[in-house]
Amino acid sequence: MQLSSPLGCPKPYWVLVLAALLMPALWMRADLVLTEIMYHPAGESLEDGTESLEFIELTNTGTSVIQLGNYQFSQGVEFVFPNGSSLQPGSFLLVAGDSSAVKQHYGLQNVIGNYTGQLSNAGETIRLVDPLGETVLRFRYGTAGAWPASADGAGHSLVLKDLTLDNDLSSSWQSSRAIGGSPGAAEPAGNEGNLQRMLIQKGVQGFYFKGVKEPSNGNTDWAKPAFETNNAWLSGRTGFGYSNNAAEASHLSTTLNDMRNNYLSVYARVPFELNGSDIDRLKSLQLTMNYDDSFVVYLNGVRVGAEGVNGNPPAFDQSSNAGSDYDPQTIDLTSRQNLLVSGRNWLAIQGHNVGIGNSSDFVMAPELSLTLRELPSIDEQQRAVVINEVFANGSESPDYVELYNPTDAPVDLRGMWLSDKPAPLMLYQIPHWIGHSGSGVTWSLRRVSIRLVLV
């Protein structure tokens, strides 16, 4: 006899229905990855023994929003995600013991907390469970053996080398290149990584405003980072517009079927994240605008480019100068590096059509790409400078340690420390003036030795 549900459906039917309901959740679990952890920040702990700049970084590596409401860290530290918590595709979220301190120190907004307890400086297991108590993430870090020593009190974080690696293995992790880590953004790539990445591409999440009126009383406040959107601003994915032409439509993710005969312009705000290292290493910042018929673009509130429309700023009902099918336009924003900030940045665009009822299409689709200068690989950095000589227990002369750079390339000594103890690692900082006195780069070495006198 075949088992049936109370509704008379066979049991295999209900098994398939349950599987269909659970599979998306299981896929999204696999997309949630713990990518960075700051368990032992540099500096003194607070009076109660806590360290205010601890954080755990989660990344959504998939293409769907992950709902985190009532998920909780149940081991290592304790924290319940509030109802409505979510993580957009490709986005990062920091969970901190002191979210205010982390936000202020790093200039980030994608930080929640506060968790109770603190991350062990001796290594421990961290566990994240779903609302049913099922384990979603489990990660155990250590401080001995092959685990990076500079993450244990020298100011660096632990960073997952690759999203596909087993995060229980010490070989899957490296110390961050920069002191402070790279919270809220991808770890900067060196020679072994990809020096180019898309900051904004088709389909990333943004906000848009239909130009039936001015978005901010005729000024450009709407383009500034501090602008707060209201319910007239809608959530949508780039690019924006409408067209029956297949080539044009390929640039669109948010179709504006009501634009024709109703409004001439569209305004958009699209966020992207950078860290301080990204800005320092910036080699090229390129904006490509796929558009029809005109646009004005702003970077963190400053106008940086325009094509095909009059006005500064153009009024919401200003028509484009002409209507045609235009080739994509690339704008070099490298010289605008001074406008970038560590943390969240905003690209804002207003697009205008040639007519309110006589245009068959409208396209506003930005793509923003970043190219970084190369960094030496971690292995290269480790091999470059060697301890060439040590003099200890001298009866009259002071002790010293001699460092030697055997290569032809200068090596940056900023942020380097010497220590003869496993803790603290930040015992003796190499002075910033060490190096060639006449090179103009006073923190570098090139085929020279230096002696650091220890007193």
Protein backbone atom coordinates (compact mmCIF):
# COMPACT_ATOMS: atom_id res chain seq x y z
CA MET A 1 0.00 0.00 0.00
CA GLN A 2 1.39 3.48 -0.92
CA LEU A 3 1.51 6.11 1.84
CA SER A 4 -0.42 9.31 1.19
CA SER A 5 -0.71 12.73 2.78
CA PRO A 6 -3.96 13.85 4.41
CA LEU A 7 -4.79 15.54 1.12
CA GLY A 8 -4.48 12.26 -0.72
CA CYS A 9 -1.20 13.01 -2.48
CA PRO A 10 1.44 10.25 -2.57
CA LYS A 11 4.38 10.55 -0.18
CA PRO A 12 6.97 10.90 -3.01
CA TYR A 13 5.10 14.02 -4.12
CA TRP A 14 5.57 15.71 -0.75
CA VAL A 15 9.22 14.67 -0.65
CA LEU A 16 9.79 16.41 -3.98
CA VAL A 17 7.92 19.53 -2.82
CA LEU A 18 10.00 19.70 0.37
CA ALA A 19 13.21 19.25 -1.61
CA ALA A 20 12.21 22.02 -4.00
CA LEU A 21 11.60 24.35 -1.07
CA LEU A 22 14.86 23.52 0.68
CA MET A 23 17.25 23.54 -2.29
CA PRO A 24 17.41 27.36 -2.71
CA ALA A 25 18.20 27.75 0.99
CA LEU A 26 20.94 25.14 0.75
CA TRP A 27 22.43 26.84 -2.31
CA MET A 28 22.44 30.19 -0.50
CA ARG A 29 24.16 28.59 2.49
CA ALA A 30 26.99 27.53 0.21
CA ASP A 31 27.22 31.12 -1.06
CA LEU A 32 27.81 32.50 2.46
CA VAL A 33 31.54 32.48 3.18
CA LEU A 34 33.61 33.69 6.14
CA THR A 35 36.38 35.59 4.35
CA GLU A 36 38.24 37.60 6.98
CA ILE A 37 38.66 37.71 10.75
CA MET A 38 40.44 40.20 12.99
CA TYR A 39 40.84 38.26 16.23
CA HIS A 40 43.82 40.08 17.78
CA PRO A 41 44.01 43.77 16.78
CA ALA A 42 47.15 45.74 17.50
CA GLY A 43 47.29 47.90 20.59
CA GLU A 44 46.26 47.63 24.18
CA SER A 45 42.96 46.00 25.13
CA LEU A 46 40.32 47.92 27.06
CA GLU A 47 40.06 47.85 30.84
CA ASP A 48 37.62 44.93 30.69
CA GLY A 49 40.05 42.95 28.49
CA THR A 50 38.07 43.33 25.26
CA GLU A 51 39.55 44.52 21.97
CA SER A 52 37.26 47.01 20.27
CA LEU A 53 38.41 46.47 16.66
CA GLU A 54 37.69 42.75 16.43
CA PHE A 55 35.47 41.73 13.51
CA ILE A 56 34.24 38.78 11.46
CA GLU A 57 33.63 39.36 7.74
CA LEU A 58 30.95 37.47 5.80
CA THR A 59 30.68 37.54 1.99
CA ASN A 60 27.81 36.59 -0.31
CA THR A 61 29.55 34.89 -3.25
CA GLY A 62 26.31 34.02 -5.03
CA THR A 63 23.79 35.81 -7.24
CA SER A 64 20.81 35.90 -4.84
CA VAL A 65 20.13 37.88 -1.68
CA ILE A 66 20.83 35.89 1.49
CA GLN A 67 18.33 36.47 4.30
CA LEU A 68 20.15 36.38 7.65
CA GLY A 69 17.33 37.23 10.06
CA ASN A 70 17.60 35.11 13.25
CA TYR A 71 20.82 33.44 12.14
CA GLN A 72 23.24 33.44 15.05
CA PHE A 73 26.84 32.93 16.02
CA SER A 74 26.56 30.29 18.71
CA GLN A 75 30.19 29.35 19.34
CA GLY A 76 33.27 31.52 19.81
CA VAL A 77 31.12 34.65 20.16
CA GLU A 78 27.36 35.06 20.47
CA PHE A 79 25.21 37.23 18.24
CA VAL A 80 21.67 36.97 16.79
CA PHE A 81 21.12 38.70 13.44
CA PRO A 82 18.09 41.05 13.65
CA ASN A 83 14.95 40.35 11.65
CA GLY A 84 15.29 41.71 8.14
CA SER A 85 19.07 41.32 8.01
CA SER A 86 20.23 40.42 4.51
CA LEU A 87 23.37 40.30 2.38
CA GLN A 88 23.29 41.36 -1.26
CA PRO A 89 25.16 39.38 -3.95
CA GLY A 90 28.86 40.22 -3.97
CA SER A 91 28.57 42.24 -0.77
CA PHE A 92 30.44 42.10 2.51
CA LEU A 93 29.10 42.36 6.05
CA LEU A 94 31.15 42.83 9.22
CA VAL A 95 29.96 41.50 12.56
CA ALA A 96 31.80 43.24 15.39
CA GLY A 97 32.07 43.23 19.14
CA ASP A 98 32.01 47.04 19.06
CA SER A 99 30.30 48.07 15.84
CA SER A 100 30.58 51.80 16.58
CA ALA A 101 34.35 51.56 17.06
CA VAL A 102 34.80 49.54 13.86
CA LYS A 103 32.61 51.92 11.84
CA GLN A 104 34.51 54.94 13.09
CA HIS A 105 37.98 53.42 12.68
CA TYR A 106 37.48 52.10 9.14
CA GLY A 107 34.88 54.56 7.85
CA LEU A 108 32.47 51.74 7.00
CA GLN A 109 28.70 51.39 7.29
CA ASN A 110 28.24 47.69 6.52
CA VAL A 111 28.89 46.73 10.16
CA ILE A 112 26.47 45.20 12.67
CA GLY A 113 26.80 44.05 16.26
CA ASN A 114 27.53 43.94 19.04
CA TYR A 115 28.38 40.32 19.69
CA THR A 116 29.00 39.17 23.24
CA GLY A 117 32.26 37.55 24.27
CA GLN A 118 35.46 38.09 22.34
CA LEU A 119 37.54 36.23 19.79
CA SER A 120 40.25 34.19 21.46
CA ASN A 121 43.83 35.28 20.89
CA ALA A 122 44.82 31.64 21.23
CA GLY A 123 42.54 30.31 18.47
CA GLU A 124 39.08 28.76 18.69
CA THR A 125 36.06 27.50 16.73
CA ILE A 126 33.45 29.91 15.38
CA ARG A 127 30.04 28.57 14.45
CA LEU A 128 27.10 30.20 12.63
CA VAL A 129 23.71 28.48 12.74
CA ASP A 130 20.38 29.12 11.02
CA PRO A 131 17.08 29.78 12.85
CA LEU A 132 16.56 26.00 13.19
CA GLY A 133 19.94 25.55 14.83
CA GLU A 134 21.56 23.88 11.82
CA THR A 135 25.22 24.73 11.23
CA VAL A 136 25.74 27.08 8.27
CA LEU A 137 29.43 27.94 8.83
CA ARG A 138 32.06 26.39 11.05
CA PHE A 139 35.60 27.71 11.16
CA ARG A 140 38.50 26.97 13.49
CA TYR A 141 41.54 29.25 13.44
CA GLY A 142 44.84 28.84 15.23
CA THR A 143 47.95 30.78 16.16
CA ALA A 144 50.70 28.15 16.01
CA GLY A 145 52.34 26.14 13.25
CA ALA A 146 51.52 27.42 9.75
CA TRP A 147 48.92 29.94 10.90
CA PRO A 148 50.16 33.47 9.99
CA ALA A 149 51.92 34.99 13.00
CA SER A 150 51.32 38.61 12.01
CA ALA A 151 47.57 38.17 12.58
CA ASP A 152 48.25 37.46 16.25
CA GLY A 153 48.68 40.96 17.65
CA ALA A 154 50.74 42.68 14.93
CA GLY A 155 47.69 44.40 13.47
CA HIS A 156 47.02 42.18 10.46
CA SER A 157 43.88 40.13 9.94
CA LEU A 158 43.41 36.57 8.69
CA VAL A 159 42.20 36.59 5.06
CA LEU A 160 40.91 33.60 3.09
CA LYS A 161 43.16 33.14 0.06
CA ASP A 162 40.44 31.77 -2.21
CA LEU A 163 36.68 31.36 -1.78
CA THR A 164 36.84 27.70 -2.79
CA LEU A 165 39.39 26.62 -0.16
CA ASP A 166 38.71 24.65 3.02
CA ASN A 167 38.71 27.31 5.71
CA ASP A 168 39.71 24.80 8.43
CA LEU A 169 43.18 24.48 6.90
CA SER A 170 45.88 26.94 7.86
CA SER A 171 47.19 26.77 4.29
CA SER A 172 43.91 28.37 3.10
CA TRP A 173 44.63 31.57 5.00
CA GLN A 174 47.13 34.40 4.81
CA SER A 175 47.73 37.55 6.79
CA SER A 176 46.33 40.72 5.28
CA ARG A 177 48.78 42.81 3.29
CA ALA A 178 47.91 45.96 5.21
CA ILE A 179 47.83 46.54 8.93
CA GLY A 180 44.17 46.73 9.83
CA GLY A 181 43.18 44.23 7.15
CA SER A 182 40.76 44.90 4.31
CA PRO A 183 37.34 44.86 6.05
CA GLY A 184 34.29 45.37 3.86
CA ALA A 185 36.18 44.81 0.61
CA ALA A 186 38.20 42.20 -1.23
CA GLU A 187 41.81 41.76 -0.12
CA PRO A 188 44.05 43.78 -2.49
CA ALA A 189 45.67 41.57 -5.09
CA GLY A 190 49.39 41.27 -5.64
CA ASN A 191 51.24 39.88 -8.65
CA GLU A 192 49.61 36.52 -8.09
CA GLY A 193 46.09 37.95 -8.18
CA ASN A 194 43.85 39.91 -10.50
CA LEU A 195 44.86 43.56 -10.50
CA GLN A 196 41.65 44.54 -12.28
CA ARG A 197 38.13 44.29 -10.95
CA MET A 198 34.69 45.65 -11.68
CA LEU A 199 33.36 48.00 -9.04
CA ILE A 200 30.07 48.47 -10.86
CA GLN A 201 28.77 46.22 -13.59
CA LYS A 202 25.40 45.38 -15.09
CA GLY A 203 22.99 44.10 -12.50
CA VAL A 204 24.51 45.48 -9.30
CA GLN A 205 22.06 46.85 -6.77
CA GLY A 206 21.32 50.57 -6.79
CA PHE A 207 18.53 53.12 -6.37
CA TYR A 208 16.68 55.09 -9.03
CA PHE A 209 14.27 58.01 -9.22
CA LYS A 210 11.82 58.60 -12.03
CA GLY A 211 12.19 62.18 -13.27
CA VAL A 212 8.63 63.40 -12.85
CA LYS A 213 10.05 66.19 -10.68
CA GLU A 214 13.38 67.36 -9.26
CA PRO A 215 14.93 64.80 -6.90
CA SER A 216 16.36 67.48 -4.55
CA ASN A 217 14.81 70.88 -5.30
CA GLY A 218 16.90 71.57 -8.41
CA ASN A 219 20.32 71.12 -6.79
CA THR A 220 22.70 68.14 -6.77
CA ASP A 221 22.22 67.11 -3.14
CA TRP A 222 20.73 63.85 -4.46
CA ALA A 223 24.18 62.91 -5.85
CA LYS A 224 26.06 63.40 -2.56
CA PRO A 225 27.06 60.50 -0.29
CA ALA A 226 25.07 61.80 2.70
CA PHE A 227 21.78 62.08 0.76
CA GLU A 228 18.99 60.01 2.29
CA THR A 229 16.56 58.52 -0.20
CA ASN A 230 12.82 58.53 0.44
CA ASN A 231 10.05 56.29 -0.86
CA ALA A 232 10.18 58.04 -4.25
CA TRP A 233 13.51 56.30 -4.79
CA LEU A 234 13.15 52.69 -5.88
CA SER A 235 15.55 49.81 -5.50
CA GLY A 236 16.76 48.41 -8.81
CA ARG A 237 19.66 46.86 -10.63
CA THR A 238 21.79 48.68 -13.19
CA GLY A 239 21.26 49.45 -16.15
CA PHE A 240 18.04 51.34 -16.44
CA GLY A 241 15.87 52.01 -19.48
CA TYR A 242 13.73 50.49 -22.22
CA SER A 243 14.33 49.39 -25.81
CA ASN A 244 13.08 46.92 -28.39
CA ASN A 245 16.57 46.72 -29.84
CA ALA A 246 18.27 43.52 -28.65
CA ALA A 247 21.72 45.08 -28.50
CA GLU A 248 20.51 47.97 -26.35
CA ALA A 249 18.31 45.75 -24.21
CA SER A 250 21.35 43.58 -23.35
CA HIS A 251 22.61 46.45 -21.17
CA LEU A 252 19.38 46.64 -19.14
CA SER A 253 18.46 45.00 -15.87
CA THR A 254 15.69 47.37 -14.74
CA THR A 255 13.16 47.97 -17.53
CA LEU A 256 11.23 51.24 -17.36
CA ASN A 257 8.09 50.38 -19.29
CA ASP A 258 6.28 53.50 -18.05
CA MET A 259 8.92 56.06 -19.06
CA ARG A 260 7.68 56.88 -22.56
CA ASN A 261 5.00 59.63 -22.46
CA ASN A 262 5.50 60.11 -18.71
CA TYR A 263 8.99 61.39 -17.84
CA LEU A 264 12.14 62.55 -19.65
CA SER A 265 14.82 61.74 -17.09
CA VAL A 266 16.02 59.10 -14.65
CA TYR A 267 18.35 59.56 -11.67
CA ALA A 268 20.40 56.72 -10.15
CA ARG A 269 22.66 56.21 -7.13
CA VAL A 270 24.95 53.18 -7.14
CA PRO A 271 27.26 52.35 -4.20
CA PHE A 272 30.65 50.67 -4.39
CA GLU A 273 33.22 49.80 -1.74
CA LEU A 274 36.94 50.59 -1.55
CA ASN A 275 39.54 50.27 1.16
CA GLY A 276 42.51 52.51 1.83
CA SER A 277 44.90 50.19 0.04
CA ASP A 278 42.76 50.30 -3.12
CA ILE A 279 42.99 54.09 -3.15
CA ASP A 280 46.72 54.17 -2.41
CA ARG A 281 47.45 51.64 -5.17
CA LEU A 282 45.08 53.10 -7.74
CA LYS A 283 46.53 52.87 -11.22
CA SER A 284 43.41 53.44 -13.28
CA LEU A 285 39.71 54.15 -12.68
CA GLN A 286 37.60 53.92 -15.83
CA LEU A 287 33.88 54.59 -16.25
CA THR A 288 32.14 53.23 -19.34
CA MET A 289 28.71 54.69 -20.03
CA ASN A 290 26.32 52.78 -22.25
CA TYR A 291 23.73 55.48 -22.91
CA ASP A 292 20.94 56.79 -25.08
CA ASP A 293 20.47 59.79 -25.32
CA SER A 294 22.52 61.75 -22.72
CA PHE A 295 23.91 61.68 -19.18
CA VAL A 296 25.63 63.58 -16.39
CA VAL A 297 27.73 61.60 -13.90
CA TYR A 298 28.87 62.47 -10.36
CA LEU A 299 31.46 60.79 -8.15
CA ASN A 300 30.72 61.25 -4.44
CA GLY A 301 28.69 64.33 -5.29
CA VAL A 302 31.16 65.99 -7.70
CA ARG A 303 30.33 66.28 -11.40
CA VAL A 304 32.98 64.35 -13.36
CA GLY A 305 31.47 63.90 -16.82
CA ALA A 306 28.55 64.67 -19.12
CA GLU A 307 27.41 64.17 -22.69
CA GLY A 308 24.54 65.47 -24.80
CA VAL A 309 22.53 67.60 -22.39
CA ASN A 310 22.65 71.26 -21.29
CA GLY A 311 22.49 72.62 -17.76
CA ASN A 312 24.54 72.44 -14.58
CA PRO A 313 22.66 70.59 -13.39
CA PRO A 314 20.12 69.89 -16.17
CA ALA A 315 16.53 70.32 -15.04
CA PHE A 316 14.47 67.17 -14.64
CA ASP A 317 12.44 68.06 -17.77
CA GLN A 318 15.45 69.05 -19.91
CA SER A 319 15.55 67.22 -23.25
CA SER A 320 18.73 65.77 -24.70
CA ASN A 321 20.35 67.78 -27.47
CA ALA A 322 19.87 64.99 -30.00
CA GLY A 323 18.59 61.44 -30.29
CA SER A 324 20.62 58.65 -31.80
CA ASP A 325 22.22 55.27 -31.05
CA TYR A 326 25.54 56.14 -29.42
CA ASP A 327 28.67 54.10 -28.93
CA PRO A 328 29.68 53.54 -25.29
CA GLN A 329 31.74 56.42 -23.90
CA THR A 330 34.70 55.80 -21.57
CA ILE A 331 35.63 58.47 -19.02
CA ASP A 332 39.03 58.32 -17.32
CA LEU A 333 38.46 59.08 -13.63
CA THR A 334 41.99 58.28 -12.47
CA SER A 335 42.74 61.93 -11.80
CA ARG A 336 39.71 62.05 -9.51
CA GLN A 337 41.39 59.77 -6.96
CA ASN A 338 41.10 62.57 -4.39
CA LEU A 339 37.30 62.14 -4.41
CA LEU A 340 37.45 58.51 -3.28
CA VAL A 341 37.10 57.45 0.34
CA SER A 342 37.80 54.27 2.25
CA GLY A 343 34.49 52.47 2.69
CA ARG A 344 31.32 53.26 0.74
CA ASN A 345 31.48 55.51 -2.33
CA TRP A 346 28.63 56.63 -4.60
CA LEU A 347 28.39 56.93 -8.37
CA ALA A 348 25.36 59.06 -9.25
CA ILE A 349 23.99 59.53 -12.76
CA GLN A 350 21.17 61.45 -14.36
CA GLY A 351 20.08 60.37 -17.83
CA HIS A 352 17.85 62.31 -20.23
CA ASN A 353 15.84 61.29 -23.25
CA VAL A 354 15.44 63.32 -26.45
CA GLY A 355 11.67 63.54 -26.08
CA ILE A 356 8.94 62.45 -23.75
CA GLY A 357 6.77 60.74 -26.34
CA ASN A 358 8.81 60.46 -29.50
CA SER A 359 11.73 58.29 -28.37
CA SER A 360 11.77 54.56 -28.93
CA ASP A 361 14.49 53.88 -26.35
CA PHE A 362 16.42 55.04 -23.30
CA VAL A 363 19.60 53.49 -21.85
CA MET A 364 21.60 54.43 -18.75
CA ALA A 365 24.03 51.61 -17.90
CA PRO A 366 27.32 52.42 -16.09
CA GLU A 367 30.33 50.13 -15.72
CA LEU A 368 33.13 51.18 -13.38
CA SER A 369 36.45 49.32 -13.38
CA LEU A 370 39.51 49.58 -11.16
CA THR A 371 43.12 48.71 -11.95
CA LEU A 372 45.67 48.47 -9.13
CA ARG A 373 49.43 48.81 -9.14
CA GLU A 374 51.25 45.57 -8.52
CA LEU A 375 52.39 44.57 -5.06
CA PRO A 376 55.15 42.10 -4.37
CA SER A 377 53.75 38.71 -3.51
CA ILE A 378 53.81 37.71 0.13
CA ASP A 379 56.53 35.14 -0.61
CA GLU A 380 58.60 37.82 -2.34
CA GLN A 381 58.21 40.14 0.61
CA GLN A 382 59.24 37.41 3.03
CA ARG A 383 62.30 36.46 1.00
CA ALA A 384 63.49 39.97 0.25
CA VAL A 385 64.98 41.11 3.54
CA VAL A 386 67.11 38.72 5.57
CA ILE A 387 68.71 38.91 9.00
CA ASN A 388 72.34 38.90 7.95
CA GLU A 389 74.13 39.24 11.27
CA VAL A 390 73.34 39.33 14.98
CA PHE A 391 75.64 40.60 17.73
CA ALA A 392 74.55 39.84 21.29
CA ASN A 393 76.00 39.97 24.78
CA GLY A 394 78.82 42.31 23.85
CA SER A 395 80.74 43.50 26.87
CA GLU A 396 81.23 47.06 25.65
CA SER A 397 79.45 47.50 22.33
CA PRO A 398 75.64 47.49 22.19
CA ASP A 399 73.76 44.56 20.67
CA TYR A 400 72.57 44.87 17.10
CA VAL A 401 70.70 43.06 14.32
CA GLU A 402 71.81 43.52 10.70
CA LEU A 403 69.23 43.39 7.88
CA TYR A 404 70.24 42.89 4.25
CA ASN A 405 68.30 43.25 1.02
CA PRO A 406 70.03 41.09 -1.62
CA THR A 407 67.79 42.18 -4.49
CA ASP A 408 67.94 45.06 -6.97
CA ALA A 409 64.50 46.31 -5.97
CA PRO A 410 63.74 48.55 -2.98
CA VAL A 411 61.76 46.96 -0.16
CA ASP A 412 59.21 48.92 1.81
CA LEU A 413 60.04 48.72 5.52
CA ARG A 414 57.10 50.77 6.73
CA GLY A 415 55.05 48.84 9.24
CA MET A 416 57.76 46.19 9.85
CA TRP A 417 58.67 45.13 13.36
CA LEU A 418 61.30 42.99 15.10
CA SER A 419 60.50 40.67 17.97
CA ASP A 420 62.26 37.82 19.79
CA LYS A 421 59.04 36.69 21.45
CA PRO A 422 55.87 35.02 20.15
CA ALA A 423 53.98 37.76 22.00
CA PRO A 424 54.10 40.65 21.61
CA LEU A 425 55.12 40.61 17.97
CA MET A 426 55.11 44.40 17.72
CA LEU A 427 58.09 44.80 20.06
CA TYR A 428 60.54 46.99 18.10
CA GLN A 429 59.39 49.06 15.14
CA ILE A 430 61.93 49.62 12.37
CA PRO A 431 62.34 53.42 12.15
CA HIS A 432 60.65 54.98 9.15
CA TRP A 433 63.81 56.88 8.11
CA ILE A 434 65.90 53.73 7.56
CA GLY A 435 67.29 53.45 4.01
CA HIS A 436 69.04 55.57 1.39
CA SER A 437 69.44 59.11 2.63
CA GLY A 438 69.61 60.49 -0.90
CA SER A 439 67.11 58.26 -2.63
CA GLY A 440 64.01 60.26 -1.79
CA VAL A 441 62.47 57.00 -0.58
CA THR A 442 63.74 56.93 2.97
CA TRP A 443 61.90 53.74 3.89
CA SER A 444 63.52 51.50 1.28
CA LEU A 445 66.60 49.32 0.91
CA ARG A 446 68.42 48.33 -2.27
CA ARG A 447 71.44 45.99 -2.04
CA VAL A 448 72.47 47.48 1.29
CA SER A 449 72.76 46.37 4.90
CA ILE A 450 71.58 48.26 7.93
CA ARG A 451 72.35 47.66 11.59
CA LEU A 452 69.64 48.23 14.13
CA VAL A 453 71.19 48.90 17.52
CA LEU A 454 69.18 47.38 20.34
CA VAL A 455 69.38 49.37 23.56
